[in-house]
Amino acid sequence: QLLDQPWAAWRNAILAELSTAHPDLAAKATRMDITRYGH
């Protein structure tokens, strides 16, 4: 999953999850940098 899923898929899933507690998160977010560790 880490290798195959594009950055936008991770971005969307993370924002959807955190927005359950913070509905205004997406409107105030400007950037998301993702670091992947396979092992």
PDB file of all heavy atoms in Angstrom:
ATOM      1  N   GLN A   1       0.821  -1.201   0.000  1.00  0.00           N
ATOM      2  CA  GLN A   1       0.000   0.000   0.000  1.00  0.00           C
ATOM      3  C   GLN A   1       0.859   1.257   0.000  1.00  0.00           C
ATOM      4  O   GLN A   1       0.577   2.204  -0.740  1.00  0.00           O
ATOM      5  CB  GLN A   1      -0.914   0.022   1.221  1.00  0.00           C
ATOM      6  CG  GLN A   1      -2.109  -0.903   1.143  1.00  0.00           C
ATOM      7  CD  GLN A   1      -3.065  -0.690   2.305  1.00  0.00           C
ATOM      8  OE1 GLN A   1      -2.976   0.311   3.009  1.00  0.00           O
ATOM      9  NE2 GLN A   1      -3.974  -1.628   2.500  1.00  0.00           N
ATOM     10  N   LEU A   2       1.906   1.254   0.802  1.00  0.00           N
ATOM     11  CA  LEU A   2       2.769   2.430   0.871  1.00  0.00           C
ATOM     12  C   LEU A   2       3.349   2.771  -0.495  1.00  0.00           C
ATOM     13  O   LEU A   2       3.444   3.943  -0.874  1.00  0.00           O
ATOM     14  CB  LEU A   2       3.903   2.202   1.866  1.00  0.00           C
ATOM     15  CG  LEU A   2       3.601   2.342   3.350  1.00  0.00           C
ATOM     16  CD1 LEU A   2       4.868   2.124   4.162  1.00  0.00           C
ATOM     17  CD2 LEU A   2       3.024   3.721   3.673  1.00  0.00           C
ATOM     18  N   LEU A   3       3.763   1.748  -1.225  1.00  0.00           N
ATOM     19  CA  LEU A   3       4.390   1.984  -2.529  1.00  0.00           C
ATOM     20  C   LEU A   3       3.376   2.253  -3.628  1.00  0.00           C
ATOM     21  O   LEU A   3       3.608   3.077  -4.513  1.00  0.00           O
ATOM     22  CB  LEU A   3       5.256   0.780  -2.902  1.00  0.00           C
ATOM     23  CG  LEU A   3       6.624   0.677  -2.244  1.00  0.00           C
ATOM     24  CD1 LEU A   3       7.324  -0.592  -2.681  1.00  0.00           C
ATOM     25  CD2 LEU A   3       7.478   1.890  -2.569  1.00  0.00           C
ATOM     26  N   ASP A   4       2.244   1.554  -3.584  1.00  0.00           N
ATOM     27  CA  ASP A   4       1.297   1.606  -4.703  1.00  0.00           C
ATOM     28  C   ASP A   4       0.342   2.789  -4.645  1.00  0.00           C
ATOM     29  O   ASP A   4      -0.040   3.341  -5.692  1.00  0.00           O
ATOM     30  CB  ASP A   4       0.492   0.312  -4.778  1.00  0.00           C
ATOM     31  CG  ASP A   4       1.347  -0.885  -5.140  1.00  0.00           C
ATOM     32  OD1 ASP A   4       2.519  -0.673  -5.535  1.00  0.00           O
ATOM     33  OD2 ASP A   4       0.867  -2.034  -5.025  1.00  0.00           O
ATOM     34  N   GLN A   5      -0.085   3.170  -3.432  1.00  0.00           N
ATOM     35  CA  GLN A   5      -1.097   4.220  -3.328  1.00  0.00           C
ATOM     36  C   GLN A   5      -0.481   5.591  -3.611  1.00  0.00           C
ATOM     37  O   GLN A   5       0.554   5.934  -3.052  1.00  0.00           O
ATOM     38  CB  GLN A   5      -1.735   4.225  -1.938  1.00  0.00           C
ATOM     39  CG  GLN A   5      -2.599   3.011  -1.647  1.00  0.00           C
ATOM     40  CD  GLN A   5      -3.858   2.970  -2.512  1.00  0.00           C
ATOM     41  OE1 GLN A   5      -4.260   3.975  -3.088  1.00  0.00           O
ATOM     42  NE2 GLN A   5      -4.467   1.804  -2.606  1.00  0.00           N
ATOM     43  N   PRO A   6      -1.097   6.386  -4.465  1.00  0.00           N
ATOM     44  CA  PRO A   6      -0.564   7.725  -4.741  1.00  0.00           C
ATOM     45  C   PRO A   6      -0.714   8.641  -3.535  1.00  0.00           C
ATOM     46  O   PRO A   6      -1.541   8.402  -2.649  1.00  0.00           O
ATOM     47  CB  PRO A   6      -1.407   8.207  -5.925  1.00  0.00           C
ATOM     48  CG  PRO A   6      -2.692   7.452  -5.808  1.00  0.00           C
ATOM     49  CD  PRO A   6      -2.322   6.099  -5.240  1.00  0.00           C
ATOM     50  N   TRP A   7       0.086   9.699  -3.529  1.00  0.00           N
ATOM     51  CA  TRP A   7       0.058  10.649  -2.421  1.00  0.00           C
ATOM     52  C   TRP A   7      -1.348  11.191  -2.195  1.00  0.00           C
ATOM     53  O   TRP A   7      -1.800  11.317  -1.036  1.00  0.00           O
ATOM     54  CB  TRP A   7       1.023  11.803  -2.716  1.00  0.00           C
ATOM     55  CG  TRP A   7       0.877  12.962  -1.785  1.00  0.00           C
ATOM     56  CD1 TRP A   7       1.417  13.112  -0.547  1.00  0.00           C
ATOM     57  CD2 TRP A   7       0.102  14.148  -2.026  1.00  0.00           C
ATOM     58  NE1 TRP A   7       1.034  14.301   0.007  1.00  0.00           N
ATOM     59  CE2 TRP A   7       0.236  14.967  -0.880  1.00  0.00           C
ATOM     60  CE3 TRP A   7      -0.668  14.602  -3.094  1.00  0.00           C
ATOM     61  CZ2 TRP A   7      -0.394  16.210  -0.774  1.00  0.00           C
ATOM     62  CZ3 TRP A   7      -1.295  15.838  -2.996  1.00  0.00           C
ATOM     63  CH2 TRP A   7      -1.151  16.621  -1.841  1.00  0.00           C
ATOM     64  N   ALA A   8      -2.092  11.500  -3.255  1.00  0.00           N
ATOM     65  CA  ALA A   8      -3.421  12.099  -3.106  1.00  0.00           C
ATOM     66  C   ALA A   8      -4.385  11.155  -2.391  1.00  0.00           C
ATOM     67  O   ALA A   8      -5.260  11.601  -1.637  1.00  0.00           O
ATOM     68  CB  ALA A   8      -3.984  12.487  -4.467  1.00  0.00           C
ATOM     69  N   ALA A   9      -4.240   9.841  -2.594  1.00  0.00           N
ATOM     70  CA  ALA A   9      -5.120   8.885  -1.910  1.00  0.00           C
ATOM     71  C   ALA A   9      -4.872   8.914  -0.410  1.00  0.00           C
ATOM     72  O   ALA A   9      -5.825   8.886   0.386  1.00  0.00           O
ATOM     73  CB  ALA A   9      -4.902   7.483  -2.468  1.00  0.00           C
ATOM     74  N   TRP A  10      -3.603   8.964  -0.020  1.00  0.00           N
ATOM     75  CA  TRP A  10      -3.296   9.068   1.401  1.00  0.00           C
ATOM     76  C   TRP A  10      -3.791  10.395   1.967  1.00  0.00           C
ATOM     77  O   TRP A  10      -4.365  10.445   3.055  1.00  0.00           O
ATOM     78  CB  TRP A  10      -1.793   8.941   1.634  1.00  0.00           C
ATOM     79  CG  TRP A  10      -1.246   7.570   1.393  1.00  0.00           C
ATOM     80  CD1 TRP A  10      -0.405   7.188   0.392  1.00  0.00           C
ATOM     81  CD2 TRP A  10      -1.507   6.389   2.160  1.00  0.00           C
ATOM     82  NE1 TRP A  10      -0.118   5.852   0.485  1.00  0.00           N
ATOM     83  CE2 TRP A  10      -0.774   5.338   1.566  1.00  0.00           C
ATOM     84  CE3 TRP A  10      -2.272   6.126   3.289  1.00  0.00           C
ATOM     85  CZ2 TRP A  10      -0.795   4.029   2.073  1.00  0.00           C
ATOM     86  CZ3 TRP A  10      -2.290   4.834   3.797  1.00  0.00           C
ATOM     87  CH2 TRP A  10      -1.568   3.802   3.188  1.00  0.00           C
ATOM     88  N   ARG A  11      -3.553  11.478   1.242  1.00  0.00           N
ATOM     89  CA  ARG A  11      -4.015  12.794   1.705  1.00  0.00           C
ATOM     90  C   ARG A  11      -5.512  12.780   1.966  1.00  0.00           C
ATOM     91  O   ARG A  11      -5.974  13.228   3.028  1.00  0.00           O
ATOM     92  CB  ARG A  11      -3.685  13.857   0.645  1.00  0.00           C
ATOM     93  CG  ARG A  11      -4.207  15.254   0.969  1.00  0.00           C
ATOM     94  CD  ARG A  11      -4.283  16.129  -0.284  1.00  0.00           C
ATOM     95  NE  ARG A  11      -5.205  15.577  -1.278  1.00  0.00           N
ATOM     96  CZ  ARG A  11      -5.389  16.092  -2.489  1.00  0.00           C
ATOM     97  NH1 ARG A  11      -4.684  17.151  -2.874  1.00  0.00           N
ATOM     98  NH2 ARG A  11      -6.245  15.534  -3.330  1.00  0.00           N
ATOM     99  N   ASN A  12      -6.283  12.266   1.002  1.00  0.00           N
ATOM    100  CA  ASN A  12      -7.738  12.285   1.133  1.00  0.00           C
ATOM    101  C   ASN A  12      -8.212  11.422   2.299  1.00  0.00           C
ATOM    102  O   ASN A  12      -9.123  11.804   3.045  1.00  0.00           O
ATOM    103  CB  ASN A  12      -8.377  11.810  -0.166  1.00  0.00           C
ATOM    104  CG  ASN A  12      -8.112  12.753  -1.325  1.00  0.00           C
ATOM    105  OD1 ASN A  12      -7.548  13.837  -1.144  1.00  0.00           O
ATOM    106  ND2 ASN A  12      -8.496  12.353  -2.524  1.00  0.00           N
ATOM    107  N   ALA A  13      -7.594  10.238   2.476  1.00  0.00           N
ATOM    108  CA  ALA A  13      -8.006   9.350   3.559  1.00  0.00           C
ATOM    109  C   ALA A  13      -7.693   9.964   4.918  1.00  0.00           C
ATOM    110  O   ALA A  13      -8.508   9.904   5.848  1.00  0.00           O
ATOM    111  CB  ALA A  13      -7.301   8.001   3.417  1.00  0.00           C
ATOM    112  N   ILE A  14      -6.532  10.575   5.044  1.00  0.00           N
ATOM    113  CA  ILE A  14      -6.128  11.169   6.324  1.00  0.00           C
ATOM    114  C   ILE A  14      -7.019  12.352   6.676  1.00  0.00           C
ATOM    115  O   ILE A  14      -7.490  12.493   7.818  1.00  0.00           O
ATOM    116  CB  ILE A  14      -4.648  11.582   6.265  1.00  0.00           C
ATOM    117  CG1 ILE A  14      -3.762  10.326   6.185  1.00  0.00           C
ATOM    118  CG2 ILE A  14      -4.262  12.436   7.466  1.00  0.00           C
ATOM    119  CD1 ILE A  14      -2.336  10.605   5.809  1.00  0.00           C
ATOM    120  N   LEU A  15      -7.279  13.212   5.708  1.00  0.00           N
ATOM    121  CA  LEU A  15      -8.130  14.384   5.966  1.00  0.00           C
ATOM    122  C   LEU A  15      -9.555  13.961   6.301  1.00  0.00           C
ATOM    123  O   LEU A  15     -10.192  14.543   7.193  1.00  0.00           O
ATOM    124  CB  LEU A  15      -8.118  15.318   4.764  1.00  0.00           C
ATOM    125  CG  LEU A  15      -6.797  16.063   4.516  1.00  0.00           C
ATOM    126  CD1 LEU A  15      -6.855  16.829   3.199  1.00  0.00           C
ATOM    127  CD2 LEU A  15      -6.481  17.012   5.665  1.00  0.00           C
ATOM    128  N   ALA A  16     -10.073  12.951   5.614  1.00  0.00           N
ATOM    129  CA  ALA A  16     -11.427  12.473   5.910  1.00  0.00           C
ATOM    130  C   ALA A  16     -11.512  11.937   7.327  1.00  0.00           C
ATOM    131  O   ALA A  16     -12.490  12.170   8.051  1.00  0.00           O
ATOM    132  CB  ALA A  16     -11.834  11.409   4.898  1.00  0.00           C
ATOM    133  N   GLU A  17     -10.473  11.222   7.747  1.00  0.00           N
ATOM    134  CA  GLU A  17     -10.478  10.645   9.096  1.00  0.00           C
ATOM    135  C   GLU A  17     -10.410  11.727  10.166  1.00  0.00           C
ATOM    136  O   GLU A  17     -11.201  11.737  11.110  1.00  0.00           O
ATOM    137  CB  GLU A  17      -9.296   9.689   9.234  1.00  0.00           C
ATOM    138  CG  GLU A  17      -9.190   9.037  10.601  1.00  0.00           C
ATOM    139  CD  GLU A  17      -8.043   8.057  10.666  1.00  0.00           C
ATOM    140  OE1 GLU A  17      -7.858   7.285   9.699  1.00  0.00           O
ATOM    141  OE2 GLU A  17      -7.320   8.055  11.679  1.00  0.00           O
ATOM    142  N   LEU A  18      -9.472  12.659  10.036  1.00  0.00           N
ATOM    143  CA  LEU A  18      -9.295  13.689  11.054  1.00  0.00           C
ATOM    144  C   LEU A  18     -10.425  14.710  11.053  1.00  0.00           C
ATOM    145  O   LEU A  18     -10.671  15.371  12.067  1.00  0.00           O
ATOM    146  CB  LEU A  18      -7.950  14.386  10.863  1.00  0.00           C
ATOM    147  CG  LEU A  18      -6.701  13.509  11.038  1.00  0.00           C
ATOM    148  CD1 LEU A  18      -5.441  14.342  10.848  1.00  0.00           C
ATOM    149  CD2 LEU A  18      -6.696  12.827  12.392  1.00  0.00           C
ATOM    150  N   SER A  19     -11.129  14.828   9.933  1.00  0.00           N
ATOM    151  CA  SER A  19     -12.216  15.805   9.854  1.00  0.00           C
ATOM    152  C   SER A  19     -13.416  15.421  10.706  1.00  0.00           C
ATOM    153  O   SER A  19     -14.279  16.261  10.972  1.00  0.00           O
ATOM    154  CB  SER A  19     -12.655  15.995   8.397  1.00  0.00           C
ATOM    155  OG  SER A  19     -11.645  16.649   7.660  1.00  0.00           O
ATOM    156  N   THR A  20     -13.482  14.158  11.158  1.00  0.00           N
ATOM    157  CA  THR A  20     -14.575  13.795  12.052  1.00  0.00           C
ATOM    158  C   THR A  20     -14.493  14.573  13.362  1.00  0.00           C
ATOM    159  O   THR A  20     -15.505  14.841  13.998  1.00  0.00           O
ATOM    160  CB  THR A  20     -14.552  12.285  12.355  1.00  0.00           C
ATOM    161  OG1 THR A  20     -13.318  11.930  12.969  1.00  0.00           O
ATOM    162  CG2 THR A  20     -14.717  11.483  11.075  1.00  0.00           C
ATOM    163  N   ALA A  21     -13.283  14.950  13.766  1.00  0.00           N
ATOM    164  CA  ALA A  21     -13.115  15.776  14.958  1.00  0.00           C
ATOM    165  C   ALA A  21     -12.904  17.238  14.613  1.00  0.00           C
ATOM    166  O   ALA A  21     -13.181  18.113  15.434  1.00  0.00           O
ATOM    167  CB  ALA A  21     -11.918  15.268  15.778  1.00  0.00           C
ATOM    168  N   HIS A  22     -12.413  17.501  13.401  1.00  0.00           N
ATOM    169  CA  HIS A  22     -12.101  18.880  12.980  1.00  0.00           C
ATOM    170  C   HIS A  22     -12.720  19.156  11.611  1.00  0.00           C
ATOM    171  O   HIS A  22     -12.048  19.047  10.584  1.00  0.00           O
ATOM    172  CB  HIS A  22     -10.587  19.083  12.910  1.00  0.00           C
ATOM    173  CG  HIS A  22      -9.865  18.851  14.195  1.00  0.00           C
ATOM    174  ND1 HIS A  22     -10.033  19.671  15.290  1.00  0.00           N
ATOM    175  CD2 HIS A  22      -8.962  17.904  14.565  1.00  0.00           C
ATOM    176  CE1 HIS A  22      -9.253  19.243  16.273  1.00  0.00           C
ATOM    177  NE2 HIS A  22      -8.611  18.170  15.866  1.00  0.00           N
ATOM    178  N   PRO A  23     -14.003  19.513  11.537  1.00  0.00           N
ATOM    179  CA  PRO A  23     -14.642  19.752  10.248  1.00  0.00           C
ATOM    180  C   PRO A  23     -13.982  20.859   9.423  1.00  0.00           C
ATOM    181  O   PRO A  23     -14.112  20.880   8.195  1.00  0.00           O
ATOM    182  CB  PRO A  23     -16.081  20.142  10.634  1.00  0.00           C
ATOM    183  CG  PRO A  23     -16.291  19.544  11.978  1.00  0.00           C
ATOM    184  CD  PRO A  23     -14.963  19.618  12.663  1.00  0.00           C
ATOM    185  N   ASP A  24     -13.270  21.777  10.084  1.00  0.00           N
ATOM    186  CA  ASP A  24     -12.637  22.888   9.356  1.00  0.00           C
ATOM    187  C   ASP A  24     -11.198  22.568   8.970  1.00  0.00           C
ATOM    188  O   ASP A  24     -10.483  23.453   8.472  1.00  0.00           O
ATOM    189  CB  ASP A  24     -12.669  24.157  10.204  1.00  0.00           C
ATOM    190  CG  ASP A  24     -12.023  23.979  11.578  1.00  0.00           C
ATOM    191  OD1 ASP A  24     -11.982  22.841  12.068  1.00  0.00           O
ATOM    192  OD2 ASP A  24     -11.565  24.978  12.162  1.00  0.00           O
ATOM    193  N   LEU A  25     -10.746  21.325   9.153  1.00  0.00           N
ATOM    194  CA  LEU A  25      -9.361  20.982   8.882  1.00  0.00           C
ATOM    195  C   LEU A  25      -8.988  21.210   7.421  1.00  0.00           C
ATOM    196  O   LEU A  25      -7.968  21.851   7.125  1.00  0.00           O
ATOM    197  CB  LEU A  25      -9.110  19.515   9.260  1.00  0.00           C
ATOM    198  CG  LEU A  25      -7.737  18.944   8.909  1.00  0.00           C
ATOM    199  CD1 LEU A  25      -6.641  19.661   9.690  1.00  0.00           C
ATOM    200  CD2 LEU A  25      -7.682  17.440   9.184  1.00  0.00           C
ATOM    201  N   ALA A  26      -9.790  20.711   6.497  1.00  0.00           N
ATOM    202  CA  ALA A  26      -9.439  20.808   5.081  1.00  0.00           C
ATOM    203  C   ALA A  26      -9.348  22.258   4.616  1.00  0.00           C
ATOM    204  O   ALA A  26      -8.485  22.612   3.812  1.00  0.00           O
ATOM    205  CB  ALA A  26     -10.459  20.048   4.233  1.00  0.00           C
ATOM    206  N   ALA A  27     -10.224  23.105   5.149  1.00  0.00           N
ATOM    207  CA  ALA A  27     -10.225  24.511   4.723  1.00  0.00           C
ATOM    208  C   ALA A  27      -8.980  25.243   5.198  1.00  0.00           C
ATOM    209  O   ALA A  27      -8.556  26.233   4.578  1.00  0.00           O
ATOM    210  CB  ALA A  27     -11.479  25.210   5.248  1.00  0.00           C
ATOM    211  N   LYS A  28      -8.368  24.778   6.292  1.00  0.00           N
ATOM    212  CA  LYS A  28      -7.215  25.467   6.869  1.00  0.00           C
ATOM    213  C   LYS A  28      -5.886  24.788   6.560  1.00  0.00           C
ATOM    214  O   LYS A  28      -4.835  25.333   6.881  1.00  0.00           O
ATOM    215  CB  LYS A  28      -7.405  25.595   8.385  1.00  0.00           C
ATOM    216  CG  LYS A  28      -8.603  26.475   8.740  1.00  0.00           C
ATOM    217  CD  LYS A  28      -8.893  26.506  10.221  1.00  0.00           C
ATOM    218  CE  LYS A  28     -10.085  27.436  10.524  1.00  0.00           C
ATOM    219  NZ  LYS A  28     -10.435  27.446  11.956  1.00  0.00           N
ATOM    220  N   ALA A  29      -5.948  23.622   5.952  1.00  0.00           N
ATOM    221  CA  ALA A  29      -4.724  22.915   5.577  1.00  0.00           C
ATOM    222  C   ALA A  29      -4.216  23.454   4.248  1.00  0.00           C
ATOM    223  O   ALA A  29      -4.983  23.694   3.315  1.00  0.00           O
ATOM    224  CB  ALA A  29      -4.984  21.417   5.481  1.00  0.00           C
ATOM    225  N   THR A  30      -2.911  23.639   4.152  1.00  0.00           N
ATOM    226  CA  THR A  30      -2.308  24.140   2.914  1.00  0.00           C
ATOM    227  C   THR A  30      -1.364  23.130   2.274  1.00  0.00           C
ATOM    228  O   THR A  30      -1.157  23.169   1.062  1.00  0.00           O
ATOM    229  CB  THR A  30      -1.518  25.432   3.176  1.00  0.00           C
ATOM    230  OG1 THR A  30      -0.354  25.141   3.963  1.00  0.00           O
ATOM    231  CG2 THR A  30      -2.373  26.458   3.895  1.00  0.00           C
ATOM    232  N   ARG A  31      -0.798  22.246   3.087  1.00  0.00           N
ATOM    233  CA  ARG A  31       0.208  21.317   2.555  1.00  0.00           C
ATOM    234  C   ARG A  31       0.264  20.065   3.424  1.00  0.00           C
ATOM    235  O   ARG A  31       0.038  20.128   4.632  1.00  0.00           O
ATOM    236  CB  ARG A  31       1.587  21.982   2.519  1.00  0.00           C
ATOM    237  CG  ARG A  31       2.679  21.118   1.915  1.00  0.00           C
ATOM    238  CD  ARG A  31       4.009  21.839   1.777  1.00  0.00           C
ATOM    239  NE  ARG A  31       4.998  20.958   1.165  1.00  0.00           N
ATOM    240  CZ  ARG A  31       5.141  20.796  -0.138  1.00  0.00           C
ATOM    241  NH1 ARG A  31       4.370  21.483  -0.976  1.00  0.00           N
ATOM    242  NH2 ARG A  31       6.046  19.964  -0.626  1.00  0.00           N
ATOM    243  N   MET A  32       0.572  18.934   2.791  1.00  0.00           N
ATOM    244  CA  MET A  32       0.777  17.684   3.517  1.00  0.00           C
ATOM    245  C   MET A  32       1.978  16.951   2.928  1.00  0.00           C
ATOM    246  O   MET A  32       1.958  16.555   1.765  1.00  0.00           O
ATOM    247  CB  MET A  32      -0.464  16.780   3.454  1.00  0.00           C
ATOM    248  CG  MET A  32      -0.303  15.484   4.268  1.00  0.00           C
ATOM    249  SD  MET A  32      -1.664  14.301   4.058  1.00  0.00           S
ATOM    250  CE  MET A  32      -3.060  15.219   4.699  1.00  0.00           C
ATOM    251  N   ASP A  33       3.027  16.808   3.733  1.00  0.00           N
ATOM    252  CA  ASP A  33       4.204  16.033   3.340  1.00  0.00           C
ATOM    253  C   ASP A  33       4.144  14.676   4.025  1.00  0.00           C
ATOM    254  O   ASP A  33       3.971  14.599   5.244  1.00  0.00           O
ATOM    255  CB  ASP A  33       5.489  16.759   3.726  1.00  0.00           C
ATOM    256  CG  ASP A  33       5.764  17.949   2.824  1.00  0.00           C
ATOM    257  OD1 ASP A  33       5.122  18.046   1.757  1.00  0.00           O
ATOM    258  OD2 ASP A  33       6.610  18.786   3.183  1.00  0.00           O
ATOM    259  N   ILE A  34       4.309  13.613   3.246  1.00  0.00           N
ATOM    260  CA  ILE A  34       4.151  12.252   3.755  1.00  0.00           C
ATOM    261  C   ILE A  34       5.482  11.509   3.665  1.00  0.00           C
ATOM    262  O   ILE A  34       6.131  11.493   2.623  1.00  0.00           O
ATOM    263  CB  ILE A  34       3.067  11.496   2.964  1.00  0.00           C
ATOM    264  CG1 ILE A  34       1.689  12.143   3.212  1.00  0.00           C
ATOM    265  CG2 ILE A  34       3.048  10.024   3.339  1.00  0.00           C
ATOM    266  CD1 ILE A  34       0.566  11.517   2.412  1.00  0.00           C
ATOM    267  N   THR A  35       5.881  10.901   4.786  1.00  0.00           N
ATOM    268  CA  THR A  35       7.083  10.083   4.849  1.00  0.00           C
ATOM    269  C   THR A  35       6.676   8.629   5.020  1.00  0.00           C
ATOM    270  O   THR A  35       5.856   8.301   5.874  1.00  0.00           O
ATOM    271  CB  THR A  35       7.980  10.517   6.026  1.00  0.00           C
ATOM    272  OG1 THR A  35       8.292  11.901   5.895  1.00  0.00           O
ATOM    273  CG2 THR A  35       9.278   9.715   6.041  1.00  0.00           C
ATOM    274  N   ARG A  36       7.257   7.767   4.188  1.00  0.00           N
ATOM    275  CA  ARG A  36       6.911   6.341   4.208  1.00  0.00           C
ATOM    276  C   ARG A  36       8.095   5.513   4.689  1.00  0.00           C
ATOM    277  O   ARG A  36       9.220   5.711   4.238  1.00  0.00           O
ATOM    278  CB  ARG A  36       6.504   5.885   2.797  1.00  0.00           C
ATOM    279  CG  ARG A  36       5.280   6.589   2.237  1.00  0.00           C
ATOM    280  CD  ARG A  36       5.076   6.243   0.758  1.00  0.00           C
ATOM    281  NE  ARG A  36       6.156   6.779  -0.075  1.00  0.00           N
ATOM    282  CZ  ARG A  36       6.295   6.519  -1.373  1.00  0.00           C
ATOM    283  NH1 ARG A  36       5.424   5.722  -1.977  1.00  0.00           N
ATOM    284  NH2 ARG A  36       7.293   7.044  -2.060  1.00  0.00           N
ATOM    285  N   TYR A  37       7.808   4.585   5.606  1.00  0.00           N
ATOM    286  CA  TYR A  37       8.816   3.656   6.114  1.00  0.00           C
ATOM    287  C   TYR A  37       8.313   2.237   5.871  1.00  0.00           C
ATOM    288  O   TYR A  37       7.401   1.770   6.551  1.00  0.00           O
ATOM    289  CB  TYR A  37       9.053   3.863   7.602  1.00  0.00           C
ATOM    290  CG  TYR A  37       9.610   5.223   7.967  1.00  0.00           C
ATOM    291  CD1 TYR A  37       8.765   6.240   8.429  1.00  0.00           C
ATOM    292  CD2 TYR A  37      10.974   5.497   7.864  1.00  0.00           C
ATOM    293  CE1 TYR A  37       9.273   7.485   8.776  1.00  0.00           C
ATOM    294  CE2 TYR A  37      11.491   6.738   8.207  1.00  0.00           C
ATOM    295  CZ  TYR A  37      10.641   7.725   8.659  1.00  0.00           C
ATOM    296  OH  TYR A  37      11.140   8.956   8.999  1.00  0.00           O
ATOM    297  N   GLY A  38       8.907   1.546   4.914  1.00  0.00           N
ATOM    298  CA  GLY A  38       8.469   0.187   4.615  1.00  0.00           C
ATOM    299  C   GLY A  38       8.808  -0.807   5.707  1.00  0.00           C
ATOM    300  O   GLY A  38       8.071  -1.762   5.946  1.00  0.00           O
ATOM    301  N   HIS A  39       9.955  -0.590   6.371  1.00  0.00           N
ATOM    302  CA  HIS A  39      10.411  -1.479   7.446  1.00  0.00           C
ATOM    303  C   HIS A  39      10.757  -0.609   8.650  1.00  0.00           C
ATOM    304  O   HIS A  39      11.910  -0.526   9.069  1.00  0.00           O
ATOM    305  CB  HIS A  39      11.625  -2.293   7.006  1.00  0.00           C
ATOM    306  CG  HIS A  39      11.384  -3.134   5.787  1.00  0.00           C
ATOM    307  ND1 HIS A  39      11.408  -2.621   4.507  1.00  0.00           N
ATOM    308  CD2 HIS A  39      11.107  -4.463   5.655  1.00  0.00           C
ATOM    309  CE1 HIS A  39      11.163  -3.589   3.645  1.00  0.00           C
ATOM    310  NE2 HIS A  39      10.969  -4.715   4.314  1.00  0.00           N
TER     311      HIS A  39
END
